[in-house]
């Protein structure tokens, strides 16, 4: 009998993420190994939901980019199961899916930039929670499963209380989306179908998970509409509001930045977040989801366990809080660098670096670390920008700012096709250039 099926969404490695040398071989080897596996249902989400309904077990969905080296250690640890995970996985229905082409985006909403994610469902389609760790994303050799084990246990606890706790799960459910599946998004519909080409070049026929976000943003740009902030800053990391969570716990704070939103809410190191807006948490990804679904201004109620004692707190998200998110390490930053910065990779200079260049301590100082050389990423280079330039003002923006915040403001306020004036510092002199928005 099939247990919790981890839906491994095979987001085939992009050109911007470190991948195995033989990507085609990796995908075909994964299929050969997993399509007849006794535990995992391969590439068949619908059967997973049917089995979950039939057995009364919860459904576990893991989304995994097979050729991508990121998260390879965690993926292997989960598939090998071991004594820690096997008894827990036995209590689920498990599905492994290796491509995003036919995903139902009205159900499967998660951090599309990750190479390994997990969703937990009831058989009726109700979402229990999400898992996705940036610590595993950064370290391909990290096989730590303690946090994953705790996420499984938390999902099983929620399932045990279902449907009496269904009202508490309302905020965990997917939001509205303009397209039902990836192949309905214009940029992807031009090149891809719902099925992989197993008889040909399978890798080239696969929609990578990060391409969903890229295509969504492009669809807004092509219609000359502002890109919604939730697509510019998806699934904000807890650090956005000033808290760092332990990777091996569900949601326990290891650090709170002084003066941050989290600090002002009264959170302290060692606090365990139990719920946000009464929604029980499965992992750090659930914290990011709660932030993701919050508006530009919001107030979140927090239930916290502090030294064994329950504490109720309120976290107020001030207007513009999303702009504090750091997207520079995300795969999605690559496409946004083309759309908003013509392919420039920008880094904010610190006080000492400003001084060395003869720049003021205040105001914008974004150093051009590098420029793209091909296609849309070569736009800035063709417009006259050079490596080691420092951007002092872009359009009306001249305050101290990060690359991520600049992307957000440009994608919100300056449509595709507009020429944006830019003041540049080069060799001790100011230059005026124009940057095409894409």
Protein backbone atom coordinates (compact mmCIF):
# COMPACT_ATOMS: atom_id res chain seq x y z
CA UNK A 1 0.00 0.00 0.00
CA UNK A 2 1.45 3.37 -0.98
CA UNK A 3 2.22 5.82 1.74
CA UNK A 4 2.82 9.57 1.78
CA UNK A 5 3.93 10.36 -1.69
CA UNK A 6 6.55 13.04 -1.98
CA UNK A 7 5.83 14.88 -5.15
CA UNK A 8 9.29 15.60 -6.42
CA UNK A 9 8.88 18.34 -8.88
CA UNK A 10 11.77 17.86 -11.18
CA UNK A 11 12.81 21.38 -11.96
CA UNK A 12 15.57 20.59 -14.41
CA UNK A 13 18.69 22.56 -13.71
CA UNK A 14 18.83 26.00 -15.19
CA UNK A 15 21.84 27.62 -16.75
CA UNK A 16 22.19 29.67 -13.58
CA UNK A 17 22.29 26.83 -11.04
CA UNK A 18 25.07 24.30 -10.62
CA UNK A 19 24.02 21.05 -12.28
CA UNK A 20 25.34 17.56 -12.94
CA UNK A 21 27.29 17.24 -16.18
CA UNK A 22 24.93 14.73 -17.78
CA UNK A 23 21.52 16.28 -17.13
CA UNK A 24 19.73 14.07 -19.63
CA UNK A 25 21.26 10.97 -18.07
CA UNK A 26 20.32 12.11 -14.56
CA UNK A 27 16.66 12.53 -15.51
CA UNK A 28 16.42 9.17 -17.25
CA UNK A 29 18.24 7.41 -14.42
CA UNK A 30 15.81 8.93 -11.92
CA UNK A 31 12.87 7.61 -13.92
CA UNK A 32 14.40 4.14 -14.26
CA UNK A 33 15.00 3.98 -10.53
CA UNK A 34 11.73 5.47 -9.30
CA UNK A 35 8.88 4.71 -11.73
CA UNK A 36 8.31 1.23 -10.25
CA UNK A 37 9.28 2.07 -6.69
CA UNK A 38 7.15 0.42 -4.03
CA UNK A 39 6.79 3.59 -2.00
CA UNK A 40 6.82 6.49 -4.47
CA UNK A 41 4.26 7.10 -7.18
CA UNK A 42 6.17 8.62 -10.08
CA UNK A 43 4.92 11.67 -11.95
CA UNK A 44 1.28 11.07 -11.06
CA UNK A 45 -0.22 13.59 -8.65
CA UNK A 46 -3.81 12.64 -9.36
CA UNK A 47 -3.19 9.04 -8.30
CA UNK A 48 -1.67 10.32 -5.08
CA UNK A 49 -4.81 12.28 -4.19
CA UNK A 50 -7.00 9.28 -5.07
CA UNK A 51 -4.88 6.99 -2.90
CA UNK A 52 -4.97 9.49 -0.03
CA UNK A 53 -8.77 9.60 -0.19
CA UNK A 54 -8.97 5.82 -0.37
CA UNK A 55 -6.61 5.13 2.53
CA UNK A 56 -7.37 8.16 4.68
CA UNK A 57 -3.67 8.96 4.78
CA UNK A 58 -2.19 12.42 4.11
CA UNK A 59 -0.40 13.12 0.86
CA UNK A 60 3.22 14.30 0.89
CA UNK A 61 4.52 16.19 -2.13
CA UNK A 62 8.25 16.83 -2.69
CA UNK A 63 9.29 19.05 -5.57
CA UNK A 64 12.80 18.33 -6.76
CA UNK A 65 15.06 19.49 -9.60
CA UNK A 66 16.82 16.22 -10.41
CA UNK A 67 19.92 17.44 -12.29
CA UNK A 68 20.44 20.40 -9.96
CA UNK A 69 23.17 19.80 -7.40
CA UNK A 70 21.39 22.00 -4.85
CA UNK A 71 19.54 19.89 -2.26
CA UNK A 72 20.96 16.67 -3.71
CA UNK A 73 21.99 15.52 -0.25
CA UNK A 74 18.54 16.01 1.26
CA UNK A 75 16.83 14.39 -1.73
CA UNK A 76 19.07 11.32 -1.40
CA UNK A 77 18.48 11.14 2.35
CA UNK A 78 14.70 11.21 1.88
CA UNK A 79 14.75 8.59 -0.88
CA UNK A 80 17.02 6.32 1.16
CA UNK A 81 14.49 6.76 4.00
CA UNK A 82 16.50 5.22 6.81
CA UNK A 83 15.30 4.26 10.26
CA UNK A 84 14.26 7.83 11.13
CA UNK A 85 12.08 8.59 8.11
CA UNK A 86 10.67 5.22 7.01
CA UNK A 87 8.17 4.83 9.90
CA UNK A 88 6.92 8.36 9.22
CA UNK A 89 6.73 7.94 5.44
CA UNK A 90 4.72 4.76 6.00
CA UNK A 91 1.94 6.97 7.31
CA UNK A 92 1.70 9.00 4.08
CA UNK A 93 0.82 8.44 0.46
CA UNK A 94 3.97 9.38 -1.49
CA UNK A 95 4.30 10.81 -5.04
CA UNK A 96 7.48 11.83 -6.87
CA UNK A 97 7.02 14.22 -9.81
CA UNK A 98 10.00 15.40 -11.85
CA UNK A 99 8.63 18.22 -14.02
CA UNK A 100 6.46 21.31 -13.69
CA UNK A 101 4.74 21.15 -17.08
CA UNK A 102 1.36 19.91 -15.90
CA UNK A 103 1.29 21.27 -12.35
CA UNK A 104 -2.07 22.55 -11.13
CA UNK A 105 -1.03 26.01 -9.97
CA UNK A 106 -4.33 26.46 -8.13
CA UNK A 107 -3.14 23.71 -5.73
CA UNK A 108 0.64 23.55 -5.92
CA UNK A 109 1.89 26.88 -4.63
CA UNK A 110 5.33 26.91 -3.02
CA UNK A 111 8.76 28.54 -3.35
CA UNK A 112 9.44 27.98 -7.05
CA UNK A 113 13.10 29.02 -6.65
CA UNK A 114 13.99 26.01 -4.52
CA UNK A 115 15.38 22.76 -5.95
CA UNK A 116 13.64 20.66 -3.28
CA UNK A 117 10.28 21.47 -1.72
CA UNK A 118 7.55 19.49 -0.04
CA UNK A 119 3.80 20.04 0.23
CA UNK A 120 1.50 18.20 2.64
CA UNK A 121 -2.17 17.65 1.75
CA UNK A 122 -5.34 15.99 2.86
CA UNK A 123 -6.88 13.77 0.20
CA UNK A 124 -9.64 16.36 -0.28
CA UNK A 125 -7.03 18.88 -1.47
CA UNK A 126 -6.65 20.87 1.76
CA UNK A 127 -3.06 22.04 2.27
CA UNK A 128 -1.54 21.15 5.63
CA UNK A 129 1.79 22.89 5.18
CA UNK A 130 5.00 23.37 3.24
CA UNK A 131 8.68 22.53 3.62
CA UNK A 132 11.63 24.09 1.82
CA UNK A 133 15.05 24.79 3.29
CA UNK A 134 17.55 27.31 1.97
CA UNK A 135 20.24 25.70 4.11
CA UNK A 136 19.96 22.58 1.95
CA UNK A 137 19.74 24.73 -1.17
CA UNK A 138 23.10 26.31 -0.40
CA UNK A 139 24.89 23.09 0.57
CA UNK A 140 24.37 20.21 -1.87
CA UNK A 141 26.13 17.78 0.47
CA UNK A 142 23.89 18.57 3.46
CA UNK A 143 21.96 15.39 4.33
CA UNK A 144 20.55 16.69 7.62
CA UNK A 145 17.00 15.39 7.97
CA UNK A 146 16.15 16.46 11.52
CA UNK A 147 14.12 19.45 10.33
CA UNK A 148 12.44 17.32 7.68
CA UNK A 149 11.52 14.68 10.24
CA UNK A 150 9.93 17.31 12.45
CA UNK A 151 7.97 18.63 9.47
CA UNK A 152 6.60 15.13 8.81
CA UNK A 153 5.62 14.76 12.45
CA UNK A 154 3.91 18.16 12.46
CA UNK A 155 1.96 17.35 9.27
CA UNK A 156 0.80 14.04 10.80
CA UNK A 157 -0.35 15.88 13.93
CA UNK A 158 -2.40 18.28 11.80
CA UNK A 159 -3.86 15.34 9.90
CA UNK A 160 -4.85 13.64 13.15
CA UNK A 161 -6.88 16.72 14.09
CA UNK A 162 -8.58 17.06 10.70
CA UNK A 163 -11.31 18.09 9.86
CA UNK A 164 -11.97 19.66 13.27
CA UNK A 165 -9.01 22.01 12.67
CA UNK A 166 -9.90 22.87 9.07
CA UNK A 167 -10.78 26.48 9.88
CA UNK A 168 -7.28 27.02 11.31
CA UNK A 169 -5.80 25.97 7.95
CA UNK A 170 -7.64 28.57 5.87
CA UNK A 171 -4.63 30.85 5.56
CA UNK A 172 -2.46 27.97 4.31
CA UNK A 173 -4.59 27.43 1.23
CA UNK A 174 -3.44 28.59 -2.22
CA UNK A 175 -4.26 32.08 -3.42
CA UNK A 176 -5.77 33.05 -6.75
CA UNK A 177 -3.48 32.88 -9.77
CA UNK A 178 -3.96 34.21 -13.33
CA UNK A 179 -3.03 30.87 -14.94
CA UNK A 180 -4.15 27.37 -14.03
CA UNK A 181 -0.98 25.60 -15.16
CA UNK A 182 2.47 26.58 -16.46
CA UNK A 183 1.70 25.79 -20.10
CA UNK A 184 -1.10 28.37 -19.97
CA UNK A 185 1.40 31.17 -19.25
CA UNK A 186 2.18 32.88 -22.58
CA UNK A 187 5.99 32.71 -22.40
CA UNK A 188 5.89 28.99 -21.61
CA UNK A 189 2.99 28.15 -23.93
CA UNK A 190 5.19 29.20 -26.86
CA UNK A 191 7.70 26.40 -26.26
CA UNK A 192 6.31 23.67 -24.00
CA UNK A 193 3.52 21.10 -23.79
CA UNK A 194 2.08 19.33 -20.75
CA UNK A 195 4.03 16.11 -21.43
CA UNK A 196 7.75 15.44 -21.38
CA UNK A 197 9.42 14.20 -24.56
CA UNK A 198 10.78 10.88 -23.31
CA UNK A 199 11.36 9.77 -26.90
CA UNK A 200 13.61 12.75 -27.60
CA UNK A 201 15.49 15.31 -25.53
CA UNK A 202 13.59 15.13 -22.28
CA UNK A 203 15.55 17.89 -20.51
CA UNK A 204 14.72 20.44 -23.21
CA UNK A 205 11.02 19.59 -22.96
CA UNK A 206 10.81 20.21 -19.21
CA UNK A 207 9.56 23.38 -17.55
CA UNK A 208 11.86 24.17 -14.63
CA UNK A 209 10.06 25.24 -11.48
CA UNK A 210 11.81 28.62 -11.37
CA UNK A 211 10.51 29.29 -14.89
CA UNK A 212 6.98 29.62 -13.48
CA UNK A 213 7.91 32.79 -11.62
CA UNK A 214 9.98 34.08 -14.53
CA UNK A 215 7.07 33.61 -16.93
CA UNK A 216 4.56 35.18 -14.54
CA UNK A 217 6.68 38.31 -14.21
CA UNK A 218 7.22 38.46 -17.97
CA UNK A 219 3.47 38.23 -18.60
CA UNK A 220 2.87 41.36 -16.50
CA UNK A 221 5.76 43.18 -18.17
CA UNK A 222 4.53 42.29 -21.65
CA UNK A 223 1.13 43.77 -20.76
CA UNK A 224 2.90 46.89 -19.40
CA UNK A 225 1.44 46.24 -15.97
CA UNK A 226 3.23 46.56 -12.62
CA UNK A 227 4.60 43.23 -11.46
CA UNK A 228 2.83 42.34 -8.18
CA UNK A 229 5.15 42.43 -5.19
CA UNK A 230 4.39 38.80 -4.33
CA UNK A 231 5.97 37.79 -7.65
CA UNK A 232 8.99 40.05 -7.11
CA UNK A 233 9.53 38.96 -3.50
CA UNK A 234 7.95 35.49 -3.28
CA UNK A 235 8.00 33.52 -0.04
CA UNK A 236 9.99 36.13 1.93
CA UNK A 237 12.63 34.65 4.20
CA UNK A 238 12.07 35.22 7.95
CA UNK A 239 15.21 37.39 7.88
CA UNK A 240 13.14 39.95 5.95
CA UNK A 241 11.42 40.84 9.22
CA UNK A 242 14.54 40.34 11.33
CA UNK A 243 14.45 36.75 12.54
CA UNK A 244 16.64 33.75 11.81
CA UNK A 245 15.17 30.28 12.40
CA UNK A 246 17.05 27.09 13.25
CA UNK A 247 17.31 24.72 10.27
CA UNK A 248 16.76 21.59 12.39
CA UNK A 249 13.61 22.86 14.15
CA UNK A 250 10.09 23.66 12.97
CA UNK A 251 10.28 27.38 13.72
CA UNK A 252 12.62 28.23 16.59
CA UNK A 253 14.44 31.56 16.62
CA UNK A 254 18.23 31.52 16.78
CA UNK A 255 18.60 35.27 16.29
CA UNK A 256 16.51 38.44 16.37
CA UNK A 257 17.93 41.60 14.79
CA UNK A 258 17.77 44.61 17.10
CA UNK A 259 15.26 47.21 15.92
CA UNK A 260 13.67 44.86 13.40
CA UNK A 261 9.98 44.09 12.94
CA UNK A 262 10.48 40.86 14.90
CA UNK A 263 12.26 42.69 17.71
CA UNK A 264 9.48 45.29 17.94
CA UNK A 265 6.97 42.44 18.15
CA UNK A 266 8.73 41.21 21.31
CA UNK A 267 10.28 38.04 19.88
CA UNK A 268 13.42 36.71 21.56
CA UNK A 269 16.17 34.21 20.80
CA UNK A 270 14.99 30.71 21.64
CA UNK A 271 11.31 31.46 21.10
CA UNK A 272 9.42 28.71 19.31
CA UNK A 273 6.74 29.92 16.89
CA UNK A 274 3.76 27.62 17.32
CA UNK A 275 1.28 29.33 15.02
CA UNK A 276 0.78 32.48 12.93
CA UNK A 277 -2.78 33.81 12.76
CA UNK A 278 -3.79 30.55 14.50
CA UNK A 279 -2.29 28.50 11.63
CA UNK A 280 -0.15 25.60 12.96
CA UNK A 281 3.36 25.55 11.53
CA UNK A 282 5.13 22.64 9.85
CA UNK A 283 8.44 24.32 9.02
CA UNK A 284 10.20 27.57 8.21
CA UNK A 285 8.45 27.47 4.84
CA UNK A 286 5.13 27.97 6.62
CA UNK A 287 6.50 31.15 8.17
CA UNK A 288 7.51 32.36 4.71
CA UNK A 289 4.06 31.42 3.39
CA UNK A 290 2.34 33.48 6.10
CA UNK A 291 4.51 36.44 5.11
CA UNK A 292 3.90 35.74 1.42
CA UNK A 293 0.12 35.97 1.91
CA UNK A 294 0.33 39.18 3.96
CA UNK A 295 -0.50 42.54 2.42
CA UNK A 296 1.75 45.57 2.04
CA UNK A 297 0.69 46.45 5.57
CA UNK A 298 -0.46 43.72 7.93
CA UNK A 299 -0.69 42.63 11.53
CA UNK A 300 0.08 38.98 12.35
CA UNK A 301 -0.90 37.28 15.60
CA UNK A 302 1.81 34.96 16.94
CA UNK A 303 1.51 32.11 19.40
CA UNK A 304 4.94 31.53 20.93
CA UNK A 305 6.37 28.97 23.31
CA UNK A 306 9.02 30.64 25.49
CA UNK A 307 10.82 28.48 28.05
CA UNK A 308 7.81 26.17 28.09
CA UNK A 309 5.30 28.98 28.61
CA UNK A 310 2.82 30.13 25.97
CA UNK A 311 3.05 33.79 24.94
CA UNK A 312 0.79 35.72 22.55
CA UNK A 313 2.39 38.47 20.46
CA UNK A 314 1.48 40.73 17.54
CA UNK A 315 3.80 41.46 14.64
CA UNK A 316 3.04 44.62 12.67
CA UNK A 317 4.37 44.66 9.12
CA UNK A 318 4.92 48.30 8.11
CA UNK A 319 4.13 49.66 4.66
CA UNK A 320 6.78 48.56 2.18
CA UNK A 321 8.13 45.77 4.37
CA UNK A 322 8.58 43.40 1.39
CA UNK A 323 11.24 45.68 -0.08
CA UNK A 324 13.56 44.55 2.72
CA UNK A 325 13.71 41.04 1.19
CA UNK A 326 17.08 40.01 -0.23
CA UNK A 327 16.55 38.18 -3.52
CA UNK A 328 20.15 38.34 -4.72
CA UNK A 329 20.79 34.63 -4.10
CA UNK A 330 17.62 33.41 -5.79
CA UNK A 331 17.47 31.95 -9.29
CA UNK A 332 14.72 34.49 -10.04
CA UNK A 333 17.21 37.34 -9.55
CA UNK A 334 18.74 36.42 -12.92
CA UNK A 335 15.61 37.22 -14.93
CA UNK A 336 14.85 40.33 -12.87
CA UNK A 337 18.36 41.64 -13.52
CA UNK A 338 17.51 41.57 -17.21
CA UNK A 339 14.04 43.12 -16.84
CA UNK A 340 14.98 45.91 -14.43
CA UNK A 341 18.75 46.38 -14.81
CA UNK A 342 19.60 45.33 -18.34
CA UNK A 343 21.74 42.46 -17.09
CA UNK A 344 23.76 44.35 -14.47
CA UNK A 345 24.72 42.54 -11.28
CA UNK A 346 24.60 45.24 -8.60
CA UNK A 347 26.11 45.27 -5.11
CA UNK A 348 25.55 48.00 -2.51
CA UNK A 349 28.84 49.57 -1.39
CA UNK A 350 29.63 49.82 2.30
CA UNK A 351 30.98 52.94 4.00
CA UNK A 352 34.64 52.08 3.45
CA UNK A 353 34.09 51.21 -0.21
CA UNK A 354 32.27 54.51 -0.73
CA UNK A 355 35.15 56.39 0.87
CA UNK A 356 37.69 54.68 -1.40
CA UNK A 357 35.76 55.93 -4.44
CA UNK A 358 35.27 59.43 -3.11
CA UNK A 359 31.52 58.97 -2.63
CA UNK A 360 29.18 60.28 0.05
CA UNK A 361 28.25 58.10 3.00
CA UNK A 362 24.57 58.54 2.13
CA UNK A 363 22.48 57.94 -0.95
CA UNK A 364 22.53 55.26 -3.64
CA UNK A 365 25.85 53.58 -4.37
CA UNK A 366 25.27 50.38 -6.37
CA UNK A 367 28.47 48.94 -7.79
CA UNK A 368 28.25 47.19 -11.15
CA UNK A 369 29.94 43.92 -10.25
CA UNK A 370 29.34 42.52 -13.72
CA UNK A 371 27.25 42.77 -16.88
CA UNK A 372 25.59 40.17 -19.05
CA UNK A 373 26.98 39.58 -22.51
CA UNK A 374 24.11 38.01 -24.44
CA UNK A 375 20.46 38.63 -25.27
CA UNK A 376 18.41 40.76 -22.84
CA UNK A 377 21.24 40.55 -20.31
CA UNK A 378 23.49 42.53 -22.67
CA UNK A 379 21.11 45.52 -22.75
CA UNK A 380 22.99 47.58 -20.14
CA UNK A 381 26.33 46.92 -21.85
CA UNK A 382 24.90 48.05 -25.20
CA UNK A 383 23.52 51.18 -23.47
CA UNK A 384 27.02 52.19 -22.37
CA UNK A 385 27.23 50.84 -18.82
CA UNK A 386 30.54 49.31 -17.76
CA UNK A 387 31.83 46.99 -15.09
CA UNK A 388 32.89 48.93 -11.95
CA UNK A 389 30.48 51.79 -12.64
CA UNK A 390 28.58 52.95 -9.54
CA UNK A 391 24.90 53.85 -9.90
CA UNK A 392 24.07 57.02 -7.97
CA UNK A 393 20.51 57.59 -9.16
CA UNK A 394 18.04 55.54 -11.21
CA UNK A 395 14.94 57.43 -12.38
CA UNK A 396 13.69 59.24 -9.27
CA UNK A 397 15.42 56.79 -6.90
CA UNK A 398 18.56 58.12 -5.19
CA UNK A 399 18.33 56.92 -1.59
CA UNK A 400 20.52 54.18 -0.14
CA UNK A 401 19.09 51.01 -1.61
CA UNK A 402 19.78 47.32 -2.26
CA UNK A 403 19.74 45.62 -5.65
CA UNK A 404 16.59 43.70 -4.64
CA UNK A 405 14.75 46.86 -3.65
CA UNK A 406 15.78 48.62 -6.86
CA UNK A 407 14.40 45.72 -8.91
CA UNK A 408 11.12 45.92 -7.03
CA UNK A 409 10.62 49.64 -7.48
CA UNK A 410 11.51 49.56 -11.18
CA UNK A 411 9.28 46.55 -11.90
CA UNK A 412 6.44 48.27 -10.07
CA UNK A 413 6.77 51.80 -11.45
CA UNK A 414 8.56 51.68 -14.81
CA UNK A 415 7.01 49.59 -17.62
CA UNK A 416 8.67 47.63 -20.36
CA UNK A 417 9.95 49.89 -23.15
CA UNK A 418 10.60 52.94 -20.97
CA UNK A 419 14.04 54.58 -21.03
CA UNK A 420 15.07 55.31 -17.45
CA UNK A 421 17.71 58.00 -16.77
CA UNK A 422 20.66 56.82 -14.68
CA UNK A 423 23.46 58.82 -13.05
CA UNK A 424 26.70 56.84 -12.98
CA UNK A 425 30.01 57.42 -11.18
CA UNK A 426 32.93 56.36 -13.37
CA UNK A 427 36.61 57.19 -12.82
CA UNK A 428 35.78 60.07 -10.49
CA UNK A 429 33.19 61.67 -12.74
CA UNK A 430 29.41 61.64 -13.10
CA UNK A 431 27.88 60.40 -16.36
CA UNK A 432 24.28 60.43 -17.51
CA UNK A 433 23.04 57.27 -19.28
CA UNK A 434 19.67 55.75 -20.20
CA UNK A 435 18.63 52.24 -19.22
CA UNK A 436 15.91 50.47 -21.28
CA UNK A 437 13.29 48.66 -19.21
CA UNK A 438 12.54 45.14 -20.48
